[in-house]
Amino acid sequence: MSENTPAGWTQTSAICDDNSPISAIQVDPGEHVVCTFNTHARGNIIVMKQTDPDQSPQQFHFSASYDADRFDLTDGTSNNSGACRLARTRSPKSRLLVGSCRT
């Protein structure tokens, strides 16, 4: 038995209460086996740049695990490319909330 996990979800475990492997469940006559599939929705990070003073034309450079090409943001712009482990690269006078989520 297997589960086709839809996009945006990750299967974290699949177990049967009789300890049968999910790939080879053995049911004896009169036996009742319950198999449980656990899935979690993947997280997503939206990065929005806000500067002080407002409307600064300064470009800020970002790297993220989901974007090998990196991306740049200016005041009031955002990036919604995917999930997780975002890190800010050096840029003058910037404040950023850094987030992470389970992939």
Protein backbone atom coordinates (compact mmCIF):
# COMPACT_ATOMS: atom_id res chain seq x y z
CA MET A 1 0.00 0.00 0.00
CA SER A 2 1.18 3.53 -0.65
CA GLU A 3 -0.17 7.05 -0.62
CA ASN A 4 0.18 9.45 -3.54
CA THR A 5 1.03 12.62 -1.64
CA PRO A 6 -0.23 15.76 -3.43
CA ALA A 7 1.98 18.73 -4.24
CA GLY A 8 2.57 20.95 -1.21
CA TRP A 9 2.44 18.04 1.25
CA THR A 10 5.10 15.74 2.71
CA GLN A 11 4.42 12.26 4.06
CA THR A 12 6.15 12.06 7.45
CA SER A 13 5.26 8.50 8.41
CA ALA A 14 3.16 5.46 7.55
CA ILE A 15 2.68 2.75 10.17
CA CYS A 16 0.39 -0.21 10.83
CA ASP A 17 -0.78 -1.11 14.33
CA ASP A 18 0.37 -4.73 13.90
CA ASN A 19 3.92 -3.65 12.96
CA SER A 20 3.52 -4.90 9.38
CA PRO A 21 5.60 -2.85 6.95
CA ILE A 22 3.35 -0.55 4.90
CA SER A 23 4.71 -2.17 1.73
CA ALA A 24 3.75 -5.71 2.84
CA ILE A 25 0.75 -5.73 5.21
CA GLN A 26 -0.06 -9.20 6.49
CA VAL A 27 -3.59 -9.84 7.73
CA ASP A 28 -4.46 -13.13 9.40
CA PRO A 29 -8.02 -14.52 9.40
CA GLY A 30 -10.15 -12.48 11.82
CA GLU A 31 -7.41 -9.84 12.27
CA HIS A 32 -8.20 -6.14 11.92
CA VAL A 33 -5.19 -3.97 10.93
CA VAL A 34 -5.22 -0.16 11.00
CA CYS A 35 -2.56 1.68 8.98
CA THR A 36 -2.05 5.40 9.55
CA PHE A 37 -0.51 7.80 7.04
CA ASN A 38 0.69 11.14 8.45
CA THR A 39 1.23 14.12 6.16
CA HIS A 40 2.10 17.74 6.83
CA ALA A 41 1.50 20.79 4.67
CA ARG A 42 4.73 22.45 3.61
CA GLY A 43 5.35 25.94 4.89
CA ASN A 44 5.85 29.04 2.80
CA ILE A 45 7.67 32.29 3.42
CA ILE A 46 6.78 35.60 1.84
CA VAL A 47 9.62 38.10 2.13
CA MET A 48 8.61 41.75 2.12
CA LYS A 49 11.14 44.57 2.26
CA GLN A 50 10.36 47.71 4.27
CA THR A 51 12.90 50.51 4.69
CA ASP A 52 13.26 53.45 7.05
CA PRO A 53 13.21 56.03 5.56
CA ASP A 54 10.28 54.89 3.45
CA GLN A 55 10.58 54.58 -0.37
CA SER A 56 14.35 54.07 -0.40
CA PRO A 57 15.60 53.07 -3.87
CA GLN A 58 18.36 50.91 -2.27
CA GLN A 59 18.37 47.31 -3.54
CA PHE A 60 18.82 44.57 -0.93
CA HIS A 61 20.19 41.16 -1.90
CA PHE A 62 18.77 37.93 -0.49
CA SER A 63 19.66 34.26 -0.70
CA ALA A 64 17.23 31.46 0.08
CA SER A 65 17.28 27.67 0.01
CA TYR A 66 14.44 27.72 -2.52
CA ASP A 67 16.05 30.15 -5.00
CA ALA A 68 19.56 29.31 -6.18
CA ASP A 69 19.69 32.51 -8.24
CA ARG A 70 19.03 34.74 -5.21
CA PHE A 71 16.73 37.74 -5.46
CA ASP A 72 16.75 41.49 -4.87
CA LEU A 73 14.09 43.59 -3.16
CA THR A 74 13.54 47.31 -2.74
CA ASP A 75 11.18 49.10 -0.38
CA GLY A 76 7.60 47.81 -0.59
CA THR A 77 8.41 44.81 -2.81
CA SER A 78 8.09 41.13 -1.94
CA ASN A 79 9.15 37.63 -3.01
CA ASN A 80 6.95 34.53 -2.74
CA SER A 81 9.13 31.94 -4.46
CA GLY A 82 8.85 29.02 -2.08
CA ALA A 83 9.69 27.67 1.31
CA CYS A 84 12.19 27.88 4.09
CA ARG A 85 15.52 28.87 5.55
CA LEU A 86 15.89 32.43 4.33
CA ALA A 87 19.05 34.38 5.13
CA ARG A 88 19.75 38.07 4.49
CA THR A 89 23.01 39.00 2.83
CA ARG A 90 24.89 42.19 3.80
CA SER A 91 23.27 45.42 2.77
CA PRO A 92 23.28 48.84 4.43
CA LYS A 93 20.88 49.64 7.32
CA SER A 94 18.43 46.80 6.77
CA ARG A 95 16.10 45.09 9.20
CA LEU A 96 14.48 41.79 8.29
CA LEU A 97 12.50 39.18 10.13
CA VAL A 98 14.22 35.87 9.40
CA GLY A 99 11.97 32.83 9.29
CA SER A 100 12.21 29.13 8.76
CA CYS A 101 9.68 26.38 8.31
CA ARG A 102 9.51 22.63 7.88
CA THR A 103 10.00 21.45 4.31
